[in-house]
Amino acid sequence: GFDDRVASHVDLGPTVLDLAGIESPNAFAGHSLLQPPGAPTALALLSPEIAYAKGELKLLAGQPGQIRDLGDEVFLTTADRLDRIPARVSPAQVAELRAAALRRYYLNAWLYDNDRVLPRSVKPVAAVR
């Protein structure tokens, strides 16, 4: 079958743990691809931009300290997969998406900077043997 949900490499950890039947706290930046779709989110860093998708909306914005030439734009992924025509959304919706994108951005940065890619409750394979 074909799954057209937005996914990224950050979804591999939660998916592998799900395949192995290991429950983990929601400490991953991604989500298990084995779970039913809900309101999926995804984050991509394309310097100097952030691409953040939540449900059917995708935000293109500048990373912290970076200015995107066209400013923040929102696209409807179901109608415009190539990001050519900005969606008509309120400034409040743009601000909400940008705030969510920045939270995910800073969470990813903190996880990698503090070597916390795996949740502490998940033991490395070598420790399990």
C-alpha atoms as a PDB file:
ATOM      1  CA  GLY A   1       0.000   0.000   0.000  1.00  0.00           C
ATOM      2  CA  PHE A   2       0.866   3.654  -0.149  1.00  0.00           C
ATOM      3  CA  ASP A   3       0.980   5.995   2.823  1.00  0.00           C
ATOM      4  CA  ASP A   4       0.979   9.679   1.900  1.00  0.00           C
ATOM      5  CA  ARG A   5       1.555  11.009   5.425  1.00  0.00           C
ATOM      6  CA  VAL A   6       4.420  13.422   5.942  1.00  0.00           C
ATOM      7  CA  ALA A   7       7.345  11.473   7.438  1.00  0.00           C
ATOM      8  CA  SER A   8      11.027  11.976   8.133  1.00  0.00           C
ATOM      9  CA  HIS A   9      14.096  10.231   9.552  1.00  0.00           C
ATOM     10  CA  VAL A  10      13.013  11.343  13.030  1.00  0.00           C
ATOM     11  CA  ASP A  11      10.148   8.852  12.733  1.00  0.00           C
ATOM     12  CA  LEU A  12      12.522   5.860  12.496  1.00  0.00           C
ATOM     13  CA  GLY A  13      13.270   5.573  16.237  1.00  0.00           C
ATOM     14  CA  PRO A  14       9.638   5.547  17.382  1.00  0.00           C
ATOM     15  CA  THR A  15       8.680   3.201  14.522  1.00  0.00           C
ATOM     16  CA  VAL A  16      11.456   0.682  15.292  1.00  0.00           C
ATOM     17  CA  LEU A  17      10.549   0.669  19.003  1.00  0.00           C
ATOM     18  CA  ASP A  18       6.909   0.163  18.030  1.00  0.00           C
ATOM     19  CA  LEU A  19       7.892  -2.771  15.778  1.00  0.00           C
ATOM     20  CA  ALA A  20       9.858  -4.297  18.654  1.00  0.00           C
ATOM     21  CA  GLY A  21       6.903  -3.887  20.994  1.00  0.00           C
ATOM     22  CA  ILE A  22       8.803  -1.516  23.280  1.00  0.00           C
ATOM     23  CA  GLU A  23       6.689   1.198  24.849  1.00  0.00           C
ATOM     24  CA  SER A  24       8.509   4.472  25.221  1.00  0.00           C
ATOM     25  CA  PRO A  25       7.477   7.846  26.563  1.00  0.00           C
ATOM     26  CA  ASN A  26       6.713  10.439  23.931  1.00  0.00           C
ATOM     27  CA  ALA A  27      10.220  11.849  24.101  1.00  0.00           C
ATOM     28  CA  PHE A  28      10.985  11.493  20.416  1.00  0.00           C
ATOM     29  CA  ALA A  29      10.679  14.370  18.008  1.00  0.00           C
ATOM     30  CA  GLY A  30       9.030  11.980  15.523  1.00  0.00           C
ATOM     31  CA  HIS A  31       6.138   9.536  15.701  1.00  0.00           C
ATOM     32  CA  SER A  32       5.647   5.835  14.941  1.00  0.00           C
ATOM     33  CA  LEU A  33       4.520   5.263  11.388  1.00  0.00           C
ATOM     34  CA  LEU A  34       2.644   2.172  12.592  1.00  0.00           C
ATOM     35  CA  GLN A  35       0.163   4.281  14.509  1.00  0.00           C
ATOM     36  CA  PRO A  36      -2.996   5.473  12.774  1.00  0.00           C
ATOM     37  CA  PRO A  37      -2.797   8.940  11.286  1.00  0.00           C
ATOM     38  CA  GLY A  38      -4.078  11.709  13.469  1.00  0.00           C
ATOM     39  CA  ALA A  39      -2.854  15.239  13.093  1.00  0.00           C
ATOM     40  CA  PRO A  40       0.672  14.398  11.947  1.00  0.00           C
ATOM     41  CA  THR A  41       3.459  16.885  12.315  1.00  0.00           C
ATOM     42  CA  ALA A  42       6.818  17.054  10.617  1.00  0.00           C
ATOM     43  CA  LEU A  43       9.765  19.416  10.720  1.00  0.00           C
ATOM     44  CA  ALA A  44      12.453  19.908   8.091  1.00  0.00           C
ATOM     45  CA  LEU A  45      15.386  22.268   8.387  1.00  0.00           C
ATOM     46  CA  LEU A  46      16.393  23.645   5.025  1.00  0.00           C
ATOM     47  CA  SER A  47      18.813  26.377   6.000  1.00  0.00           C
ATOM     48  CA  PRO A  48      17.873  29.163   6.316  1.00  0.00           C
ATOM     49  CA  GLU A  49      14.277  27.881   6.359  1.00  0.00           C
ATOM     50  CA  ILE A  50      12.043  25.735   8.518  1.00  0.00           C
ATOM     51  CA  ALA A  51       9.344  23.664   6.843  1.00  0.00           C
ATOM     52  CA  TYR A  52       6.747  22.589   9.397  1.00  0.00           C
ATOM     53  CA  ALA A  53       3.655  20.580   8.550  1.00  0.00           C
ATOM     54  CA  LYS A  54       0.714  19.992  10.849  1.00  0.00           C
ATOM     55  CA  GLY A  55      -2.291  18.232   9.457  1.00  0.00           C
ATOM     56  CA  GLU A  56      -3.079  19.756   6.066  1.00  0.00           C
ATOM     57  CA  LEU A  57      -1.114  22.974   6.630  1.00  0.00           C
ATOM     58  CA  LYS A  58       2.572  23.520   5.926  1.00  0.00           C
ATOM     59  CA  LEU A  59       4.524  26.561   7.084  1.00  0.00           C
ATOM     60  CA  LEU A  60       7.669  27.812   5.403  1.00  0.00           C
ATOM     61  CA  ALA A  61       9.485  30.237   7.701  1.00  0.00           C
ATOM     62  CA  GLY A  62      12.955  31.495   8.510  1.00  0.00           C
ATOM     63  CA  GLN A  63      15.008  29.682  11.139  1.00  0.00           C
ATOM     64  CA  PRO A  64      15.757  31.680  14.299  1.00  0.00           C
ATOM     65  CA  GLY A  65      18.045  34.554  13.336  1.00  0.00           C
ATOM     66  CA  GLN A  66      17.321  34.054   9.620  1.00  0.00           C
ATOM     67  CA  ILE A  67      14.957  36.035   7.442  1.00  0.00           C
ATOM     68  CA  ARG A  68      13.115  34.291   4.642  1.00  0.00           C
ATOM     69  CA  ASP A  69      12.846  36.481   1.529  1.00  0.00           C
ATOM     70  CA  LEU A  70       9.094  35.891   1.164  1.00  0.00           C
ATOM     71  CA  GLY A  71       8.339  35.988   4.888  1.00  0.00           C
ATOM     72  CA  ASP A  72       6.331  33.248   6.577  1.00  0.00           C
ATOM     73  CA  GLU A  73       4.002  31.429   4.179  1.00  0.00           C
ATOM     74  CA  VAL A  74       1.412  28.709   4.762  1.00  0.00           C
ATOM     75  CA  PHE A  75       0.329  26.201   2.124  1.00  0.00           C
ATOM     76  CA  LEU A  76      -2.476  23.645   2.007  1.00  0.00           C
ATOM     77  CA  THR A  77      -0.695  20.346   1.376  1.00  0.00           C
ATOM     78  CA  THR A  78      -3.780  18.579   0.033  1.00  0.00           C
ATOM     79  CA  ALA A  79      -4.382  21.193  -2.680  1.00  0.00           C
ATOM     80  CA  ASP A  80      -0.860  22.466  -3.437  1.00  0.00           C
ATOM     81  CA  ARG A  81       1.876  19.859  -2.935  1.00  0.00           C
ATOM     82  CA  LEU A  82       4.458  22.082  -4.681  1.00  0.00           C
ATOM     83  CA  ASP A  83       3.969  25.130  -2.424  1.00  0.00           C
ATOM     84  CA  ARG A  84       3.064  27.514  -5.230  1.00  0.00           C
ATOM     85  CA  ILE A  85      -0.086  29.200  -3.920  1.00  0.00           C
ATOM     86  CA  PRO A  86      -0.176  30.389  -0.283  1.00  0.00           C
ATOM     87  CA  ALA A  87      -3.269  29.300   1.646  1.00  0.00           C
ATOM     88  CA  ARG A  88      -5.666  31.890   2.987  1.00  0.00           C
ATOM     89  CA  VAL A  89      -5.172  31.623   6.722  1.00  0.00           C
ATOM     90  CA  SER A  90      -5.422  34.162   9.498  1.00  0.00           C
ATOM     91  CA  PRO A  91      -2.349  35.836  11.001  1.00  0.00           C
ATOM     92  CA  ALA A  92      -3.239  33.980  14.226  1.00  0.00           C
ATOM     93  CA  GLN A  93      -2.981  30.634  12.422  1.00  0.00           C
ATOM     94  CA  VAL A  94       0.402  31.613  10.961  1.00  0.00           C
ATOM     95  CA  ALA A  95       1.623  32.646  14.425  1.00  0.00           C
ATOM     96  CA  GLU A  96       0.340  29.383  15.949  1.00  0.00           C
ATOM     97  CA  LEU A  97       2.130  27.289  13.301  1.00  0.00           C
ATOM     98  CA  ARG A  98       5.332  29.312  13.711  1.00  0.00           C
ATOM     99  CA  ALA A  99       5.259  28.892  17.498  1.00  0.00           C
ATOM    100  CA  ALA A 100       4.750  25.123  17.118  1.00  0.00           C
ATOM    101  CA  ALA A 101       7.560  24.940  14.536  1.00  0.00           C
ATOM    102  CA  LEU A 102       9.953  26.810  16.834  1.00  0.00           C
ATOM    103  CA  ARG A 103       9.061  24.559  19.792  1.00  0.00           C
ATOM    104  CA  ARG A 104       9.916  21.509  17.658  1.00  0.00           C
ATOM    105  CA  TYR A 105      13.065  23.236  16.348  1.00  0.00           C
ATOM    106  CA  TYR A 106      14.336  24.012  19.861  1.00  0.00           C
ATOM    107  CA  LEU A 107      13.373  20.534  21.136  1.00  0.00           C
ATOM    108  CA  ASN A 108      15.431  18.900  18.368  1.00  0.00           C
ATOM    109  CA  ALA A 109      18.371  21.205  19.056  1.00  0.00           C
ATOM    110  CA  TRP A 110      18.234  20.436  22.787  1.00  0.00           C
ATOM    111  CA  LEU A 111      17.965  16.665  22.211  1.00  0.00           C
ATOM    112  CA  TYR A 112      21.022  16.581  19.974  1.00  0.00           C
ATOM    113  CA  ASP A 113      23.066  19.080  22.000  1.00  0.00           C
ATOM    114  CA  ASN A 114      22.458  17.079  25.186  1.00  0.00           C
ATOM    115  CA  ASP A 115      22.904  13.624  23.605  1.00  0.00           C
ATOM    116  CA  ARG A 116      19.304  12.723  24.406  1.00  0.00           C
ATOM    117  CA  VAL A 117      18.227  11.241  21.086  1.00  0.00           C
ATOM    118  CA  LEU A 118      16.974   8.144  22.919  1.00  0.00           C
ATOM    119  CA  PRO A 119      14.718   8.542  25.944  1.00  0.00           C
ATOM    120  CA  ARG A 120      16.440   7.569  29.202  1.00  0.00           C
ATOM    121  CA  SER A 121      13.919   4.750  29.754  1.00  0.00           C
ATOM    122  CA  VAL A 122      15.100   2.937  26.606  1.00  0.00           C
ATOM    123  CA  LYS A 123      18.191   0.875  27.342  1.00  0.00           C
ATOM    124  CA  PRO A 124      20.807   0.506  24.602  1.00  0.00           C
ATOM    125  CA  VAL A 125      20.789  -2.975  23.004  1.00  0.00           C
ATOM    126  CA  ALA A 126      24.230  -3.811  24.468  1.00  0.00           C
ATOM    127  CA  ALA A 127      22.905  -3.199  27.996  1.00  0.00           C
ATOM    128  CA  VAL A 128      19.970  -5.564  27.480  1.00  0.00           C
ATOM    129  CA  ARG A 129      22.089  -8.630  26.617  1.00  0.00           C
END
